[in-house]
Structure formats: structure tokens, C-alpha cells
């Protein structure tokens, strides 16, 4: 599934005037899907910095600081202390943010999908490839939608 999503992203980037904006917007959308699983307010602030960057209210230096901070925070996450696995979903959600802020959209999508599936069904669900189908379907549709919105904005400009 990652290869399909990667090919779709590349195809859209090849036809976009602003491929980085598309990549970051898609990464943000994926990470936002698992925002509710984040346990550390500092990670949430990093995700918000990405949104602010795309909105034009912070500069590249702020985004780069958020990328560095979110990577360090994800690497320090302790994981789950219980059998319910919620902490593991939070770790994956944190890595989704770190990858999103760093502009690694496919990795952000992968971690977000894992977090969503793990958060909804625990470890057993993650071993079933079909568990990921709804999230992957949403990701492809959202990427298509974002690419269309950027094309429309380009035409209007």
C-alpha cells in the first residue's frame, strides 16, 4: 500500500506548482487524523507549527525547530505501560507528527495509519493487512482532494 500511495503522491507532485506544499499539507492531514492519540502537548505544538507554516504565519526556521523537537520527543516516548496498547498508538502518532513536520509525507501516513489501527483495535488488528484498508482509502482520497484544491488555487491565481 505504501508503494501505491508513494506513486500517487509523486504523480501529484509532478503536476503541482508547489509540490512541497502538497507534501506538507498531506502529511499534516494524516497526522491530524491521530491528533487525539497524542499524549504530549509539546508534540501537539509541533503539529500546530506545521499548520501555522502552511498558513504562512510562521517561517521556515520555526518549522525546522518543530521538526527537530518532534523527532526528539517521538524518540523519547515511553510507550505503553498497560496491556491496552494505547501508549503504543501514541508512540506511532508521535512519529507521524515528527515525519509530517519533517516533510516525509509517506512515512507520516504510515505511522498515522498504524496509530489509527492500533488505537482502534490493538495489536491484533495491526497484523491484519485488511485493518489498514479504510485508512489507506481515506489517505488516497485526501491526497487527491488536496492536489485538486492546489490545482484550483493555481488556476485562480
N, C-alpha and C. Protein backbone atom coordinates (compact mmCIF):
# COMPACT_ATOMS: atom_id res chain seq x y z
N UNK A 1 0.82 -1.20 0.00
CA UNK A 1 0.00 0.00 0.00
C UNK A 1 0.86 1.26 0.00
N UNK A 2 1.99 1.22 0.68
CA UNK A 2 2.86 2.38 0.71
C UNK A 2 3.34 2.74 -0.68
N UNK A 3 3.66 1.73 -1.49
CA UNK A 3 4.13 2.00 -2.85
C UNK A 3 3.05 2.70 -3.66
N UNK A 4 1.80 2.25 -3.52
CA UNK A 4 0.70 2.90 -4.24
C UNK A 4 0.55 4.36 -3.82
N UNK A 5 0.59 4.60 -2.53
CA UNK A 5 0.45 5.97 -2.02
C UNK A 5 1.63 6.83 -2.45
N UNK A 6 2.81 6.25 -2.42
CA UNK A 6 4.01 6.97 -2.84
C UNK A 6 3.93 7.34 -4.32
N UNK A 7 3.47 6.42 -5.14
CA UNK A 7 3.31 6.70 -6.57
C UNK A 7 2.28 7.79 -6.81
N UNK A 8 1.18 7.73 -6.06
CA UNK A 8 0.14 8.74 -6.21
C UNK A 8 0.67 10.12 -5.81
N UNK A 9 1.39 10.18 -4.69
CA UNK A 9 1.96 11.45 -4.26
C UNK A 9 2.92 11.99 -5.31
N UNK A 10 3.79 11.14 -5.83
CA UNK A 10 4.75 11.58 -6.83
C UNK A 10 4.05 12.09 -8.08
N UNK A 11 3.00 11.40 -8.50
CA UNK A 11 2.26 11.85 -9.68
C UNK A 11 1.65 13.23 -9.45
N UNK A 12 1.08 13.44 -8.28
CA UNK A 12 0.51 14.74 -7.98
C UNK A 12 1.60 15.81 -7.85
N UNK A 13 2.72 15.45 -7.23
CA UNK A 13 3.82 16.42 -7.10
C UNK A 13 4.35 16.83 -8.47
N UNK A 14 4.39 15.89 -9.40
CA UNK A 14 4.90 16.18 -10.74
C UNK A 14 4.04 17.17 -11.50
N UNK A 15 2.78 17.30 -11.13
CA UNK A 15 1.88 18.22 -11.81
C UNK A 15 1.54 19.45 -10.97
N UNK A 16 2.16 19.56 -9.82
CA UNK A 16 1.87 20.67 -8.92
C UNK A 16 2.91 21.78 -9.05
N UNK A 17 2.44 23.00 -8.94
CA UNK A 17 3.37 24.14 -8.90
C UNK A 17 4.12 24.20 -7.58
N UNK A 18 3.50 23.66 -6.54
CA UNK A 18 4.08 23.70 -5.20
C UNK A 18 4.07 22.31 -4.57
N UNK A 19 4.97 21.43 -5.05
CA UNK A 19 4.96 20.05 -4.53
C UNK A 19 5.25 19.97 -3.04
N UNK A 20 6.07 20.86 -2.52
CA UNK A 20 6.34 20.82 -1.08
C UNK A 20 5.09 21.16 -0.28
N UNK A 21 4.32 22.11 -0.74
CA UNK A 21 3.07 22.47 -0.05
C UNK A 21 2.13 21.27 -0.05
N UNK A 22 2.01 20.60 -1.18
CA UNK A 22 1.16 19.42 -1.26
C UNK A 22 1.65 18.35 -0.28
N UNK A 23 2.93 18.08 -0.31
CA UNK A 23 3.50 17.05 0.57
C UNK A 23 3.27 17.38 2.04
N UNK A 24 3.51 18.64 2.42
CA UNK A 24 3.32 19.04 3.81
C UNK A 24 1.84 19.04 4.20
N UNK A 25 0.98 19.48 3.30
CA UNK A 25 -0.46 19.51 3.59
C UNK A 25 -1.00 18.09 3.76
N UNK A 26 -0.54 17.17 2.93
CA UNK A 26 -0.97 15.78 3.06
C UNK A 26 -0.43 15.18 4.36
N UNK A 27 0.83 15.43 4.66
CA UNK A 27 1.41 14.92 5.91
C UNK A 27 0.65 15.46 7.12
N UNK A 28 0.31 16.74 7.08
CA UNK A 28 -0.46 17.35 8.15
C UNK A 28 -1.82 16.67 8.29
N UNK A 29 -2.50 16.46 7.18
CA UNK A 29 -3.82 15.82 7.23
C UNK A 29 -3.75 14.43 7.86
N UNK A 30 -2.73 13.68 7.51
CA UNK A 30 -2.58 12.34 8.08
C UNK A 30 -2.32 12.41 9.58
N UNK A 31 -1.44 13.30 10.00
CA UNK A 31 -1.12 13.43 11.42
C UNK A 31 -2.32 13.96 12.21
N UNK A 32 -3.07 14.84 11.61
CA UNK A 32 -4.27 15.36 12.29
C UNK A 32 -5.28 14.26 12.59
N UNK A 33 -5.30 13.22 11.74
CA UNK A 33 -6.23 12.10 11.95
C UNK A 33 -5.96 11.37 13.27
N UNK A 34 -4.74 11.47 13.76
CA UNK A 34 -4.40 10.76 15.01
C UNK A 34 -4.02 11.74 16.12
N UNK A 35 -4.36 12.98 15.95
CA UNK A 35 -4.07 14.00 16.95
C UNK A 35 -4.62 13.60 18.33
N UNK A 36 -5.79 13.00 18.36
CA UNK A 36 -6.43 12.61 19.62
C UNK A 36 -5.63 11.56 20.38
N UNK A 37 -4.68 10.90 19.71
CA UNK A 37 -3.85 9.89 20.37
C UNK A 37 -2.58 10.47 20.98
N UNK A 38 -2.28 11.71 20.66
CA UNK A 38 -1.06 12.34 21.18
C UNK A 38 -1.19 12.60 22.67
N UNK A 39 -0.14 12.28 23.40
CA UNK A 39 -0.16 12.43 24.86
C UNK A 39 0.66 13.61 25.36
N UNK A 40 1.52 14.15 24.51
CA UNK A 40 2.43 15.20 24.93
C UNK A 40 2.05 16.51 24.24
N UNK A 41 1.73 17.51 25.03
CA UNK A 41 1.34 18.82 24.49
C UNK A 41 2.43 19.41 23.63
N UNK A 42 3.68 19.09 23.90
CA UNK A 42 4.79 19.60 23.08
C UNK A 42 4.72 19.05 21.66
N UNK A 43 4.30 17.80 21.52
CA UNK A 43 4.15 17.21 20.19
C UNK A 43 2.98 17.87 19.47
N UNK A 44 1.91 18.14 20.18
CA UNK A 44 0.77 18.84 19.60
C UNK A 44 1.20 20.21 19.09
N UNK A 45 2.02 20.91 19.86
CA UNK A 45 2.50 22.23 19.42
C UNK A 45 3.34 22.12 18.14
N UNK A 46 4.11 21.05 18.03
CA UNK A 46 4.89 20.84 16.80
C UNK A 46 3.96 20.65 15.61
N UNK A 47 2.89 19.88 15.80
CA UNK A 47 1.91 19.69 14.74
C UNK A 47 1.25 21.02 14.38
N UNK A 48 0.93 21.80 15.39
CA UNK A 48 0.34 23.12 15.15
C UNK A 48 1.30 24.04 14.39
N UNK A 49 2.59 23.89 14.64
CA UNK A 49 3.58 24.70 13.92
C UNK A 49 3.55 24.37 12.44
N UNK A 50 3.38 23.11 12.10
CA UNK A 50 3.26 22.74 10.69
C UNK A 50 2.04 23.41 10.06
N UNK A 51 0.92 23.37 10.76
CA UNK A 51 -0.29 24.04 10.26
C UNK A 51 -0.04 25.54 10.11
N UNK A 52 0.63 26.13 11.08
CA UNK A 52 0.93 27.56 11.02
C UNK A 52 1.87 27.88 9.86
N UNK A 53 2.81 27.00 9.60
CA UNK A 53 3.73 27.20 8.48
C UNK A 53 2.95 27.21 7.16
N UNK A 54 2.07 26.23 7.00
CA UNK A 54 1.28 26.17 5.77
C UNK A 54 0.35 27.37 5.63
N UNK A 55 -0.07 27.92 6.76
CA UNK A 55 -0.93 29.11 6.74
C UNK A 55 -0.12 30.39 6.53
N UNK A 56 1.20 30.28 6.59
CA UNK A 56 2.06 31.43 6.38
C UNK A 56 2.29 32.28 7.61
N UNK A 57 1.95 31.76 8.78
CA UNK A 57 2.10 32.57 10.00
C UNK A 57 3.38 32.29 10.78
N UNK A 58 4.16 31.28 10.36
CA UNK A 58 5.50 31.09 10.93
C UNK A 58 6.45 30.83 9.77
N UNK A 59 7.73 31.04 10.02
CA UNK A 59 8.72 30.90 8.96
C UNK A 59 9.35 29.50 8.94
N UNK A 60 10.21 29.30 7.97
CA UNK A 60 10.90 28.01 7.78
C UNK A 60 11.71 27.65 9.01
N UNK A 61 12.33 28.62 9.65
CA UNK A 61 13.14 28.33 10.85
C UNK A 61 12.27 27.74 11.96
N UNK A 62 11.07 28.24 12.13
CA UNK A 62 10.16 27.69 13.15
C UNK A 62 9.77 26.26 12.79
N UNK A 63 9.54 26.01 11.51
CA UNK A 63 9.21 24.65 11.07
C UNK A 63 10.39 23.72 11.32
N UNK A 64 11.58 24.16 11.04
CA UNK A 64 12.76 23.32 11.26
C UNK A 64 12.97 23.03 12.74
N UNK A 65 12.72 24.01 13.59
CA UNK A 65 12.81 23.77 15.05
C UNK A 65 11.77 22.75 15.48
N UNK A 66 10.56 22.88 14.95
CA UNK A 66 9.49 21.93 15.28
C UNK A 66 9.84 20.53 14.79
N UNK A 67 10.48 20.44 13.64
CA UNK A 67 10.89 19.13 13.12
C UNK A 67 11.91 18.49 14.05
N UNK A 68 12.88 19.26 14.47
CA UNK A 68 13.89 18.75 15.40
C UNK A 68 13.27 18.36 16.74
N UNK A 69 12.42 19.23 17.26
CA UNK A 69 11.76 18.97 18.55
C UNK A 69 10.87 17.74 18.48
N UNK A 70 10.08 17.62 17.43
CA UNK A 70 9.15 16.50 17.34
C UNK A 70 9.88 15.17 17.18
N UNK A 71 11.00 15.18 16.48
CA UNK A 71 11.79 13.95 16.35
C UNK A 71 12.33 13.52 17.71
N UNK A 72 12.86 14.47 18.46
CA UNK A 72 13.39 14.15 19.79
C UNK A 72 12.28 13.67 20.71
N UNK A 73 11.13 14.30 20.65
CA UNK A 73 10.01 13.90 21.51
C UNK A 73 9.51 12.51 21.16
N UNK A 74 9.41 12.20 19.88
CA UNK A 74 8.96 10.87 19.46
C UNK A 74 9.95 9.80 19.92
N UNK A 75 11.22 10.09 19.80
CA UNK A 75 12.24 9.13 20.21
C UNK A 75 12.26 8.88 21.72
N UNK A 76 11.77 9.84 22.47
CA UNK A 76 11.75 9.71 23.94
C UNK A 76 10.46 9.12 24.49
N UNK A 77 9.47 8.92 23.64
CA UNK A 77 8.17 8.44 24.14
C UNK A 77 8.35 7.07 24.80
N UNK A 78 7.74 6.89 25.96
CA UNK A 78 7.93 5.67 26.73
C UNK A 78 7.06 4.51 26.26
N UNK A 79 6.08 4.75 25.46
CA UNK A 79 5.21 3.67 25.02
C UNK A 79 4.18 3.32 26.07
N UNK A 80 3.62 2.16 25.91
CA UNK A 80 2.51 1.75 26.77
C UNK A 80 3.00 1.09 28.05
N UNK A 81 2.39 1.48 29.15
CA UNK A 81 2.66 0.83 30.42
C UNK A 81 1.54 -0.14 30.79
N UNK A 82 0.58 -0.28 29.90
CA UNK A 82 -0.54 -1.17 30.17
C UNK A 82 -0.73 -2.12 28.99
N UNK A 83 -1.64 -3.04 29.15
CA UNK A 83 -1.87 -4.02 28.11
C UNK A 83 -2.79 -3.52 27.01
N UNK A 84 -3.41 -2.35 27.22
CA UNK A 84 -4.37 -1.89 26.22
C UNK A 84 -3.71 -1.34 24.96
N UNK A 85 -2.43 -1.06 24.99
CA UNK A 85 -1.72 -0.62 23.80
C UNK A 85 -1.91 0.83 23.42
N UNK A 86 -2.66 1.58 24.20
CA UNK A 86 -2.90 2.98 23.85
C UNK A 86 -1.58 3.73 23.75
N UNK A 87 -0.66 3.44 24.64
CA UNK A 87 0.64 4.10 24.59
C UNK A 87 1.38 3.82 23.30
N UNK A 88 1.23 2.60 22.78
CA UNK A 88 1.88 2.27 21.52
C UNK A 88 1.26 3.07 20.37
N UNK A 89 -0.04 3.27 20.40
CA UNK A 89 -0.68 4.10 19.40
C UNK A 89 -0.17 5.53 19.52
N UNK A 90 0.04 5.99 20.74
CA UNK A 90 0.56 7.34 20.96
C UNK A 90 1.98 7.48 20.43
N UNK A 91 2.78 6.44 20.58
CA UNK A 91 4.14 6.47 20.03
C UNK A 91 4.07 6.63 18.51
N UNK A 92 3.25 5.82 17.87
CA UNK A 92 3.12 5.90 16.41
C UNK A 92 2.56 7.26 15.98
N UNK A 93 1.61 7.78 16.74
CA UNK A 93 1.07 9.10 16.43
C UNK A 93 2.16 10.16 16.55
N UNK A 94 3.01 10.03 17.56
CA UNK A 94 4.12 10.97 17.74
C UNK A 94 5.10 10.89 16.57
N UNK A 95 5.37 9.68 16.11
CA UNK A 95 6.24 9.53 14.94
C UNK A 95 5.56 10.05 13.68
N UNK A 96 4.24 9.95 13.60
CA UNK A 96 3.52 10.53 12.46
C UNK A 96 3.75 12.04 12.43
N UNK A 97 3.66 12.67 13.59
CA UNK A 97 3.89 14.12 13.67
C UNK A 97 5.33 14.45 13.28
N UNK A 98 6.28 13.72 13.85
CA UNK A 98 7.69 14.00 13.55
C UNK A 98 7.97 13.90 12.05
N UNK A 99 7.43 12.89 11.42
CA UNK A 99 7.63 12.74 9.97
C UNK A 99 6.88 13.79 9.18
N UNK A 100 5.68 14.14 9.63
CA UNK A 100 4.90 15.18 8.94
C UNK A 100 5.64 16.51 8.97
N UNK A 101 6.10 16.90 10.13
CA UNK A 101 6.76 18.20 10.28
C UNK A 101 8.07 18.23 9.48
N UNK A 102 8.71 17.06 9.34
CA UNK A 102 9.95 16.98 8.57
C UNK A 102 9.69 16.86 7.06
N UNK A 103 8.42 16.80 6.66
CA UNK A 103 8.09 16.74 5.25
C UNK A 103 8.15 15.35 4.65
N UNK A 104 8.21 14.34 5.47
CA UNK A 104 8.23 12.96 5.00
C UNK A 104 6.78 12.43 5.01
N UNK A 105 6.06 12.77 3.97
CA UNK A 105 4.61 12.52 3.94
C UNK A 105 4.25 11.04 3.97
N UNK A 106 4.95 10.22 3.22
CA UNK A 106 4.60 8.80 3.17
C UNK A 106 4.87 8.15 4.52
N UNK A 107 5.98 8.50 5.15
CA UNK A 107 6.27 7.96 6.48
C UNK A 107 5.24 8.45 7.49
N UNK A 108 4.84 9.71 7.38
CA UNK A 108 3.81 10.24 8.26
C UNK A 108 2.51 9.47 8.07
N UNK A 109 2.16 9.20 6.82
CA UNK A 109 0.94 8.44 6.52
C UNK A 109 1.03 7.03 7.10
N UNK A 110 2.20 6.40 6.97
CA UNK A 110 2.37 5.05 7.51
C UNK A 110 2.20 5.02 9.02
N UNK A 111 2.87 5.92 9.71
CA UNK A 111 2.76 5.96 11.17
C UNK A 111 1.35 6.33 11.61
N UNK A 112 0.71 7.24 10.90
CA UNK A 112 -0.65 7.63 11.25
C UNK A 112 -1.61 6.45 11.07
N UNK A 113 -1.45 5.72 9.98
CA UNK A 113 -2.31 4.55 9.74
C UNK A 113 -2.10 3.51 10.84
N UNK A 114 -0.85 3.27 11.18
CA UNK A 114 -0.57 2.29 12.24
C UNK A 114 -1.18 2.76 13.56
N UNK A 115 -1.01 4.03 13.88
CA UNK A 115 -1.57 4.56 15.13
C UNK A 115 -3.08 4.43 15.15
N UNK A 116 -3.72 4.75 14.03
CA UNK A 116 -5.19 4.68 13.97
C UNK A 116 -5.68 3.25 14.14
N UNK A 117 -5.04 2.32 13.47
CA UNK A 117 -5.46 0.92 13.55
C UNK A 117 -5.14 0.36 14.93
N UNK A 118 -3.97 0.66 15.44
CA UNK A 118 -3.59 0.17 16.78
C UNK A 118 -4.50 0.77 17.84
N UNK A 119 -4.78 2.05 17.72
CA UNK A 119 -5.64 2.72 18.69
C UNK A 119 -7.06 2.19 18.67
N UNK A 120 -7.52 1.74 17.53
CA UNK A 120 -8.89 1.25 17.41
C UNK A 120 -9.03 -0.23 17.74
N UNK A 121 -7.99 -1.01 17.43
CA UNK A 121 -8.15 -2.45 17.59
C UNK A 121 -7.04 -3.18 18.29
N UNK A 122 -6.05 -2.46 18.78
CA UNK A 122 -4.95 -3.11 19.48
C UNK A 122 -4.00 -3.83 18.55
N UNK A 123 -3.09 -4.55 19.15
CA UNK A 123 -2.01 -5.19 18.40
C UNK A 123 -2.53 -6.18 17.36
N UNK A 124 -3.54 -6.95 17.71
CA UNK A 124 -4.07 -7.95 16.78
C UNK A 124 -4.51 -7.34 15.46
N UNK A 125 -5.08 -6.17 15.52
CA UNK A 125 -5.56 -5.51 14.30
C UNK A 125 -4.41 -5.14 13.38
N UNK A 126 -3.26 -4.81 13.93
CA UNK A 126 -2.15 -4.37 13.09
C UNK A 126 -1.53 -5.51 12.31
N UNK A 127 -1.79 -6.75 12.71
CA UNK A 127 -1.24 -7.89 11.98
C UNK A 127 -2.13 -8.30 10.80
N UNK A 128 -3.29 -7.68 10.68
CA UNK A 128 -4.21 -7.97 9.59
C UNK A 128 -4.15 -6.83 8.58
N UNK A 129 -3.58 -7.07 7.40
CA UNK A 129 -3.46 -6.00 6.40
C UNK A 129 -4.79 -5.34 6.05
N UNK A 130 -5.87 -6.08 6.13
CA UNK A 130 -7.18 -5.52 5.81
C UNK A 130 -7.60 -4.44 6.81
N UNK A 131 -7.04 -4.46 8.00
CA UNK A 131 -7.36 -3.45 9.01
C UNK A 131 -6.96 -2.05 8.56
N UNK A 132 -5.98 -2.00 7.66
CA UNK A 132 -5.47 -0.72 7.19
C UNK A 132 -6.24 -0.17 5.99
N UNK A 133 -7.07 -1.00 5.37
CA UNK A 133 -7.75 -0.60 4.13
C UNK A 133 -8.57 0.68 4.28
N UNK A 134 -9.38 0.85 5.32
CA UNK A 134 -10.15 2.11 5.41
C UNK A 134 -9.25 3.35 5.54
N UNK A 135 -8.18 3.24 6.32
CA UNK A 135 -7.29 4.38 6.49
C UNK A 135 -6.55 4.68 5.19
N UNK A 136 -6.08 3.66 4.51
CA UNK A 136 -5.38 3.86 3.24
C UNK A 136 -6.32 4.45 2.19
N UNK A 137 -7.55 4.02 2.19
CA UNK A 137 -8.53 4.58 1.28
C UNK A 137 -8.75 6.06 1.57
N UNK A 138 -8.88 6.41 2.84
CA UNK A 138 -9.03 7.81 3.22
C UNK A 138 -7.81 8.61 2.77
N UNK A 139 -6.61 8.05 2.98
CA UNK A 139 -5.38 8.76 2.63
C UNK A 139 -5.32 9.05 1.13
N UNK A 140 -5.64 8.06 0.31
CA UNK A 140 -5.62 8.29 -1.14
C UNK A 140 -6.65 9.36 -1.55
N UNK A 141 -7.83 9.26 -0.98
CA UNK A 141 -8.87 10.24 -1.32
C UNK A 141 -8.48 11.64 -0.85
N UNK A 142 -7.90 11.73 0.32
CA UNK A 142 -7.49 13.05 0.85
C UNK A 142 -6.36 13.64 0.02
N UNK A 143 -5.42 12.81 -0.40
CA UNK A 143 -4.34 13.29 -1.24
C UNK A 143 -4.88 13.81 -2.57
N UNK A 144 -5.78 13.07 -3.17
CA UNK A 144 -6.41 13.53 -4.42
C UNK A 144 -7.13 14.86 -4.20
N UNK A 145 -7.84 14.96 -3.09
CA UNK A 145 -8.58 16.19 -2.79
C UNK A 145 -7.64 17.38 -2.62
N UNK A 146 -6.58 17.20 -1.85
CA UNK A 146 -5.62 18.29 -1.64
C UNK A 146 -4.96 18.70 -2.95
N UNK A 147 -4.59 17.74 -3.77
CA UNK A 147 -3.97 18.05 -5.06
C UNK A 147 -4.94 18.85 -5.93
N UNK A 148 -6.20 18.47 -5.91
CA UNK A 148 -7.21 19.21 -6.67
C UNK A 148 -7.39 20.63 -6.15
N UNK A 149 -7.40 20.78 -4.85
CA UNK A 149 -7.54 22.11 -4.26
C UNK A 149 -6.37 23.01 -4.63
N UNK A 150 -5.16 22.46 -4.63
CA UNK A 150 -3.99 23.25 -5.01
C UNK A 150 -4.03 23.62 -6.50
N UNK A 151 -4.46 22.67 -7.35
CA UNK A 151 -4.59 22.98 -8.78
C UNK A 151 -5.62 24.10 -8.99
N UNK A 152 -6.74 24.01 -8.29
CA UNK A 152 -7.77 25.04 -8.41
C UNK A 152 -7.24 26.40 -7.96
N UNK A 153 -6.48 26.42 -6.88
CA UNK A 153 -5.91 27.67 -6.37
C UNK A 153 -4.91 28.23 -7.38
N UNK A 154 -4.14 27.35 -8.00
CA UNK A 154 -3.17 27.79 -9.02
C UNK A 154 -3.89 28.43 -10.21
N UNK A 155 -4.99 27.83 -10.63
CA UNK A 155 -5.76 28.35 -11.77
C UNK A 155 -6.37 29.71 -11.44
N UNK A 156 -6.81 29.86 -10.20
CA UNK A 156 -7.46 31.11 -9.78
C UNK A 156 -6.45 32.23 -9.63
N UNK A 157 -5.19 31.89 -9.40
CA UNK A 157 -4.16 32.92 -9.16
C UNK A 157 -3.69 33.59 -10.41
